[in-house]
Each structure stands twice: as structure tokens, then as C-alpha cells.
N, C-alpha and C. Protein backbone atom coordinates (compact mmCIF):
# COMPACT_ATOMS: atom_id res chain seq x y z
N MET A 1 -19.04 6.67 8.99
CA MET A 1 -19.10 8.00 8.44
C MET A 1 -18.35 8.00 7.11
N VAL A 2 -18.94 8.59 6.10
CA VAL A 2 -18.30 8.72 4.80
C VAL A 2 -17.87 10.15 4.64
N PHE A 3 -16.61 10.35 4.29
CA PHE A 3 -16.09 11.69 4.09
C PHE A 3 -15.79 11.87 2.62
N GLN A 4 -16.35 12.89 2.03
CA GLN A 4 -16.13 13.16 0.62
C GLN A 4 -15.26 14.40 0.48
N PRO A 5 -13.95 14.24 0.16
CA PRO A 5 -13.09 15.41 0.04
C PRO A 5 -13.40 16.23 -1.20
N ALA A 6 -13.02 17.50 -1.17
CA ALA A 6 -13.17 18.36 -2.35
C ALA A 6 -12.31 17.80 -3.48
N ALA A 7 -12.60 18.20 -4.70
CA ALA A 7 -11.97 17.62 -5.87
C ALA A 7 -10.45 17.68 -5.86
N SER A 8 -9.87 18.71 -5.31
CA SER A 8 -8.42 18.86 -5.38
C SER A 8 -7.72 18.38 -4.11
N GLN A 9 -8.46 17.83 -3.15
CA GLN A 9 -7.86 17.45 -1.88
C GLN A 9 -7.65 15.95 -1.78
N SER A 10 -6.73 15.58 -0.92
CA SER A 10 -6.66 14.19 -0.48
C SER A 10 -6.94 14.21 1.01
N THR A 11 -7.49 13.13 1.50
CA THR A 11 -7.84 13.01 2.90
C THR A 11 -6.87 12.04 3.53
N GLN A 12 -6.41 12.35 4.72
CA GLN A 12 -5.47 11.46 5.38
C GLN A 12 -5.87 11.25 6.82
N VAL A 13 -5.78 10.01 7.24
CA VAL A 13 -6.01 9.65 8.63
C VAL A 13 -4.77 8.91 9.08
N THR A 14 -4.19 9.29 10.19
CA THR A 14 -3.02 8.61 10.71
C THR A 14 -3.41 7.92 12.01
N LEU A 15 -3.16 6.62 12.08
CA LEU A 15 -3.47 5.84 13.26
C LEU A 15 -2.16 5.36 13.87
N LEU A 16 -1.99 5.59 15.14
CA LEU A 16 -0.82 5.07 15.84
C LEU A 16 -1.33 4.06 16.86
N THR A 17 -0.89 2.82 16.74
CA THR A 17 -1.37 1.78 17.64
C THR A 17 -0.17 1.02 18.20
N HIS A 18 -0.39 0.40 19.35
CA HIS A 18 0.67 -0.40 19.95
C HIS A 18 0.53 -1.83 19.45
N SER A 19 1.62 -2.42 19.03
CA SER A 19 1.61 -3.79 18.55
C SER A 19 2.31 -4.68 19.56
N ASN A 20 1.60 -5.61 20.16
CA ASN A 20 2.21 -6.52 21.12
C ASN A 20 3.22 -7.44 20.46
N ALA A 21 2.99 -7.79 19.19
CA ALA A 21 3.88 -8.72 18.50
C ALA A 21 5.28 -8.14 18.35
N TYR A 22 5.38 -6.85 18.12
CA TYR A 22 6.69 -6.25 17.88
C TYR A 22 7.14 -5.35 19.02
N LYS A 23 6.30 -5.12 20.00
CA LYS A 23 6.61 -4.27 21.14
C LYS A 23 7.07 -2.88 20.69
N ASN A 24 6.44 -2.37 19.65
CA ASN A 24 6.78 -1.03 19.19
C ASN A 24 5.53 -0.36 18.61
N LEU A 25 5.68 0.86 18.24
CA LEU A 25 4.58 1.63 17.69
C LEU A 25 4.43 1.31 16.21
N VAL A 26 3.20 1.07 15.78
CA VAL A 26 2.92 0.81 14.37
C VAL A 26 2.23 2.03 13.81
N THR A 27 2.72 2.52 12.71
CA THR A 27 2.11 3.67 12.06
C THR A 27 1.35 3.20 10.84
N ILE A 28 0.10 3.61 10.76
CA ILE A 28 -0.73 3.29 9.60
C ILE A 28 -1.28 4.60 9.07
N ILE A 29 -1.04 4.86 7.82
CA ILE A 29 -1.52 6.09 7.19
C ILE A 29 -2.50 5.70 6.10
N ILE A 30 -3.71 6.23 6.18
CA ILE A 30 -4.75 5.95 5.19
C ILE A 30 -5.08 7.24 4.48
N SER A 31 -4.98 7.24 3.17
CA SER A 31 -5.24 8.44 2.38
C SER A 31 -6.21 8.14 1.26
N SER A 32 -7.05 9.10 0.97
CA SER A 32 -7.99 8.98 -0.14
C SER A 32 -7.60 9.99 -1.22
N PHE A 33 -7.56 9.52 -2.44
CA PHE A 33 -7.30 10.38 -3.58
C PHE A 33 -8.48 10.27 -4.52
N LEU A 34 -9.15 11.38 -4.75
CA LEU A 34 -10.34 11.38 -5.60
C LEU A 34 -10.04 10.77 -6.96
N GLN A 35 -10.98 10.02 -7.47
CA GLN A 35 -10.92 9.36 -8.76
C GLN A 35 -9.90 8.23 -8.81
N VAL A 36 -9.17 7.99 -7.72
CA VAL A 36 -8.17 6.92 -7.73
C VAL A 36 -8.49 5.89 -6.64
N GLY A 37 -8.78 6.33 -5.42
CA GLY A 37 -9.15 5.41 -4.37
C GLY A 37 -8.43 5.67 -3.06
N TRP A 38 -8.59 4.72 -2.14
CA TRP A 38 -7.99 4.79 -0.81
C TRP A 38 -6.69 4.00 -0.82
N PHE A 39 -5.70 4.52 -0.11
CA PHE A 39 -4.40 3.87 -0.02
C PHE A 39 -3.96 3.85 1.43
N LYS A 40 -3.26 2.79 1.80
CA LYS A 40 -2.81 2.65 3.18
C LYS A 40 -1.32 2.33 3.20
N LEU A 41 -0.59 3.09 3.97
CA LEU A 41 0.82 2.78 4.24
C LEU A 41 0.88 2.21 5.65
N ASP A 42 1.61 1.13 5.81
CA ASP A 42 1.67 0.42 7.08
C ASP A 42 3.13 0.05 7.32
N ASP A 43 3.66 0.37 8.48
CA ASP A 43 5.08 0.12 8.70
C ASP A 43 5.39 -1.17 9.45
N ARG A 44 4.43 -2.09 9.49
CA ARG A 44 4.72 -3.38 10.11
C ARG A 44 5.74 -4.14 9.26
N HIS A 45 6.57 -4.93 9.90
CA HIS A 45 7.60 -5.69 9.19
C HIS A 45 7.00 -7.03 8.75
N LEU A 46 6.45 -7.05 7.54
CA LEU A 46 5.82 -8.24 6.98
C LEU A 46 6.52 -8.61 5.68
N ASN A 47 6.48 -9.90 5.33
CA ASN A 47 6.95 -10.27 4.01
C ASN A 47 5.81 -10.03 3.02
N TRP A 48 6.06 -10.22 1.73
CA TRP A 48 5.06 -9.90 0.71
C TRP A 48 3.77 -10.69 0.93
N ALA A 49 3.88 -11.99 1.15
CA ALA A 49 2.69 -12.83 1.31
C ALA A 49 1.88 -12.41 2.55
N ASP A 50 2.56 -12.09 3.64
CA ASP A 50 1.85 -11.65 4.85
C ASP A 50 1.21 -10.29 4.64
N ALA A 51 1.88 -9.40 3.88
CA ALA A 51 1.28 -8.10 3.57
C ALA A 51 0.03 -8.28 2.71
N ARG A 52 0.10 -9.17 1.73
CA ARG A 52 -1.07 -9.48 0.89
C ARG A 52 -2.21 -10.01 1.76
N ASP A 53 -1.89 -10.93 2.67
CA ASP A 53 -2.91 -11.52 3.53
C ASP A 53 -3.49 -10.50 4.51
N ALA A 54 -2.65 -9.58 5.01
CA ALA A 54 -3.13 -8.54 5.92
C ALA A 54 -4.13 -7.64 5.20
N CYS A 55 -3.86 -7.34 3.95
CA CYS A 55 -4.80 -6.53 3.17
C CYS A 55 -6.11 -7.30 2.95
N ALA A 56 -5.99 -8.56 2.56
CA ALA A 56 -7.18 -9.37 2.31
C ALA A 56 -8.04 -9.50 3.57
N ALA A 57 -7.41 -9.55 4.74
CA ALA A 57 -8.14 -9.69 6.00
C ALA A 57 -9.07 -8.52 6.27
N VAL A 58 -8.79 -7.37 5.68
CA VAL A 58 -9.66 -6.20 5.87
C VAL A 58 -10.41 -5.85 4.58
N GLY A 59 -10.50 -6.84 3.66
CA GLY A 59 -11.28 -6.65 2.44
C GLY A 59 -10.62 -5.78 1.40
N SER A 60 -9.30 -5.77 1.39
CA SER A 60 -8.57 -4.92 0.46
C SER A 60 -7.53 -5.75 -0.26
N HIS A 61 -6.62 -5.09 -0.97
CA HIS A 61 -5.51 -5.78 -1.62
C HIS A 61 -4.32 -4.84 -1.73
N LEU A 62 -3.16 -5.42 -1.92
CA LEU A 62 -1.97 -4.60 -2.16
C LEU A 62 -2.23 -3.73 -3.38
N ALA A 63 -1.75 -2.52 -3.35
CA ALA A 63 -1.97 -1.58 -4.44
C ALA A 63 -1.24 -2.04 -5.70
N VAL A 64 -1.92 -1.88 -6.83
CA VAL A 64 -1.37 -2.29 -8.12
C VAL A 64 -1.08 -1.02 -8.93
N PRO A 65 0.18 -0.83 -9.34
CA PRO A 65 0.53 0.36 -10.12
C PRO A 65 0.17 0.20 -11.59
N ASP A 66 -1.13 0.09 -11.87
CA ASP A 66 -1.57 -0.22 -13.23
C ASP A 66 -2.06 0.98 -14.03
N THR A 67 -2.06 2.16 -13.43
CA THR A 67 -2.42 3.37 -14.18
C THR A 67 -1.44 4.49 -13.81
N GLU A 68 -1.35 5.45 -14.68
CA GLU A 68 -0.48 6.59 -14.41
C GLU A 68 -0.91 7.32 -13.14
N GLU A 69 -2.24 7.42 -12.92
CA GLU A 69 -2.75 8.11 -11.73
C GLU A 69 -2.32 7.39 -10.46
N ARG A 70 -2.39 6.07 -10.47
CA ARG A 70 -1.99 5.31 -9.27
C ARG A 70 -0.49 5.44 -9.02
N VAL A 71 0.30 5.44 -10.06
CA VAL A 71 1.74 5.62 -9.89
C VAL A 71 2.01 6.99 -9.27
N ARG A 72 1.29 8.03 -9.72
CA ARG A 72 1.46 9.36 -9.14
C ARG A 72 1.07 9.36 -7.66
N VAL A 73 -0.01 8.65 -7.32
CA VAL A 73 -0.42 8.56 -5.92
C VAL A 73 0.68 7.88 -5.09
N PHE A 74 1.24 6.77 -5.60
CA PHE A 74 2.32 6.09 -4.89
C PHE A 74 3.46 7.05 -4.62
N LEU A 75 3.88 7.77 -5.65
CA LEU A 75 5.00 8.70 -5.50
C LEU A 75 4.67 9.81 -4.50
N THR A 76 3.44 10.31 -4.56
CA THR A 76 3.02 11.35 -3.61
C THR A 76 3.06 10.83 -2.18
N LEU A 77 2.50 9.65 -1.94
CA LEU A 77 2.49 9.08 -0.59
C LEU A 77 3.90 8.82 -0.08
N LEU A 78 4.75 8.30 -0.93
CA LEU A 78 6.11 7.99 -0.49
C LEU A 78 6.93 9.25 -0.26
N GLN A 79 6.64 10.32 -0.98
CA GLN A 79 7.30 11.59 -0.71
C GLN A 79 6.82 12.19 0.60
N ARG A 80 5.51 12.14 0.83
CA ARG A 80 4.94 12.70 2.06
C ARG A 80 5.38 11.93 3.30
N HIS A 81 5.55 10.64 3.14
CA HIS A 81 5.81 9.77 4.29
C HIS A 81 7.07 8.94 4.05
N SER A 82 8.15 9.59 3.71
CA SER A 82 9.40 8.89 3.39
C SER A 82 9.96 8.11 4.59
N ASP A 83 9.51 8.44 5.79
CA ASP A 83 9.97 7.73 6.97
C ASP A 83 9.49 6.29 7.01
N ILE A 84 8.35 5.99 6.37
CA ILE A 84 7.83 4.62 6.42
C ILE A 84 8.70 3.66 5.63
N PRO A 85 9.00 3.91 4.34
CA PRO A 85 9.91 2.97 3.67
C PRO A 85 11.32 2.99 4.28
N ALA A 86 11.71 4.09 4.90
CA ALA A 86 13.03 4.16 5.54
C ALA A 86 13.14 3.17 6.70
N ARG A 87 12.00 2.85 7.34
CA ARG A 87 11.99 1.90 8.46
C ARG A 87 11.72 0.47 8.00
N ALA A 88 11.50 0.27 6.71
CA ALA A 88 11.15 -1.05 6.19
C ALA A 88 12.29 -2.05 6.37
N VAL A 89 11.94 -3.33 6.42
CA VAL A 89 12.94 -4.38 6.55
C VAL A 89 13.93 -4.28 5.40
N LEU A 90 13.42 -4.18 4.18
CA LEU A 90 14.25 -3.93 3.00
C LEU A 90 14.24 -2.43 2.80
N ARG A 91 15.24 -1.75 3.25
CA ARG A 91 15.27 -0.29 3.27
C ARG A 91 14.83 0.33 1.95
N GLN A 92 13.98 1.34 2.06
CA GLN A 92 13.49 2.13 0.94
C GLN A 92 12.67 1.31 -0.06
N GLN A 93 12.04 0.24 0.41
CA GLN A 93 11.21 -0.57 -0.48
C GLN A 93 9.83 -0.75 0.13
N VAL A 94 8.84 -0.85 -0.72
CA VAL A 94 7.47 -1.14 -0.30
C VAL A 94 6.92 -2.25 -1.20
N TYR A 95 5.90 -2.93 -0.72
CA TYR A 95 5.28 -3.99 -1.50
C TYR A 95 4.11 -3.45 -2.30
N VAL A 96 3.98 -3.94 -3.52
CA VAL A 96 2.83 -3.63 -4.37
C VAL A 96 2.19 -4.95 -4.77
N GLY A 97 1.01 -4.86 -5.36
CA GLY A 97 0.25 -6.06 -5.69
C GLY A 97 0.60 -6.71 -7.01
N VAL A 98 1.88 -6.91 -7.25
CA VAL A 98 2.37 -7.59 -8.45
C VAL A 98 3.40 -8.60 -7.99
N SER A 99 3.32 -9.82 -8.53
CA SER A 99 4.29 -10.83 -8.11
C SER A 99 4.58 -11.80 -9.25
N ASP A 100 5.60 -12.59 -9.05
CA ASP A 100 6.01 -13.66 -9.96
C ASP A 100 6.08 -14.92 -9.11
N PRO A 101 4.91 -15.48 -8.74
CA PRO A 101 4.89 -16.57 -7.76
C PRO A 101 5.63 -17.83 -8.20
N TYR A 102 5.72 -18.09 -9.49
CA TYR A 102 6.39 -19.30 -9.97
C TYR A 102 7.82 -19.01 -10.44
N ARG A 103 8.25 -17.74 -10.27
CA ARG A 103 9.60 -17.32 -10.65
C ARG A 103 9.93 -17.69 -12.09
N ASN A 104 8.94 -17.42 -12.96
CA ASN A 104 9.12 -17.71 -14.38
C ASN A 104 8.98 -16.45 -15.24
N ARG A 105 9.07 -15.30 -14.60
CA ARG A 105 8.97 -13.99 -15.25
C ARG A 105 7.58 -13.75 -15.83
N GLN A 106 6.56 -14.42 -15.30
CA GLN A 106 5.16 -14.20 -15.66
C GLN A 106 4.50 -13.47 -14.49
N PHE A 107 4.58 -12.15 -14.50
CA PHE A 107 4.09 -11.35 -13.39
C PHE A 107 2.58 -11.20 -13.46
N THR A 108 1.94 -11.38 -12.30
CA THR A 108 0.49 -11.22 -12.20
C THR A 108 0.17 -10.25 -11.07
N THR A 109 -1.01 -9.65 -11.16
CA THR A 109 -1.46 -8.78 -10.08
C THR A 109 -2.17 -9.61 -9.03
N VAL A 110 -2.45 -9.01 -7.88
CA VAL A 110 -3.16 -9.72 -6.82
C VAL A 110 -4.59 -10.03 -7.24
N GLN A 111 -5.07 -9.40 -8.31
CA GLN A 111 -6.40 -9.72 -8.85
C GLN A 111 -6.34 -10.84 -9.89
N GLY A 112 -5.14 -11.40 -10.14
CA GLY A 112 -4.98 -12.50 -11.07
C GLY A 112 -4.79 -12.07 -12.53
N LYS A 113 -4.62 -10.79 -12.78
CA LYS A 113 -4.43 -10.30 -14.15
C LYS A 113 -2.96 -10.34 -14.53
N ASP A 114 -2.71 -10.44 -15.83
CA ASP A 114 -1.35 -10.35 -16.34
C ASP A 114 -0.85 -8.92 -16.10
N ALA A 115 0.21 -8.79 -15.31
CA ALA A 115 0.69 -7.46 -14.92
C ALA A 115 1.21 -6.66 -16.10
N LEU A 116 1.71 -7.32 -17.10
CA LEU A 116 2.26 -6.59 -18.25
C LEU A 116 1.17 -6.08 -19.18
N GLN A 117 -0.06 -6.55 -18.99
CA GLN A 117 -1.16 -6.10 -19.83
C GLN A 117 -2.12 -5.20 -19.09
N SER A 118 -1.83 -4.91 -17.83
CA SER A 118 -2.71 -4.05 -17.03
C SER A 118 -2.62 -2.63 -17.47
């Protein structure tokens, strides 16, 4: 089913599932923002590489803060759901799709683009 929200709305679906690996409740929040895209907050305790791989496993990628609109969406989601980063392994932090894999200050996005030129 495809849901098309009105121009000024965002759509949110909250899924609560049991995770055998962690023996606790996993919260996944999926939100759609018109003209920007779908975003998912997930409170599983993963490192950056595992979070990247979890996204890729469902045909997605870690969100890249490459436009002003996306940054606003990130801020909106984190304000609405401040409990998720509060439960993170690194308190009050979330992973985005930008990294410095060779630790040489050459940041790239998960799409392979130069992060400073995005």
C-alpha cells in the first residue's frame, strides 16, 4: 500500500518488535517527509558499520545530511523522538551516512560522494 500524505504532513509508523538478540523491545520509527523522503529511527545498539549494513539489507542507506531540508528533518525527528538517542550506546548520538574510513579527514557519504562537496 502506498500512502501519499498531504503537502504539509509527515507520516509516521511506529513498530515495536521483540529482539531475541538483545532480549528487549526494539523501537523503529519510520517517517515520510514530502519532497525529502522516508526516514527511519532505530534504537538497536549497532556500531556504524553494522548500522550501514542493516540499512543496505533493506535496500536503503544511512541518512546523509547533504541538504538544508534533510538537516531540518533530522532535527525534527530527533526532537519528536528524543528518547531514541537517549538510549543509544553513545548517549545523545545517532549515525549518519558520512564517514572517514581511512581516518585521513577525507569524509565520504555512503553513496561514495565527497561529503564536503555534497
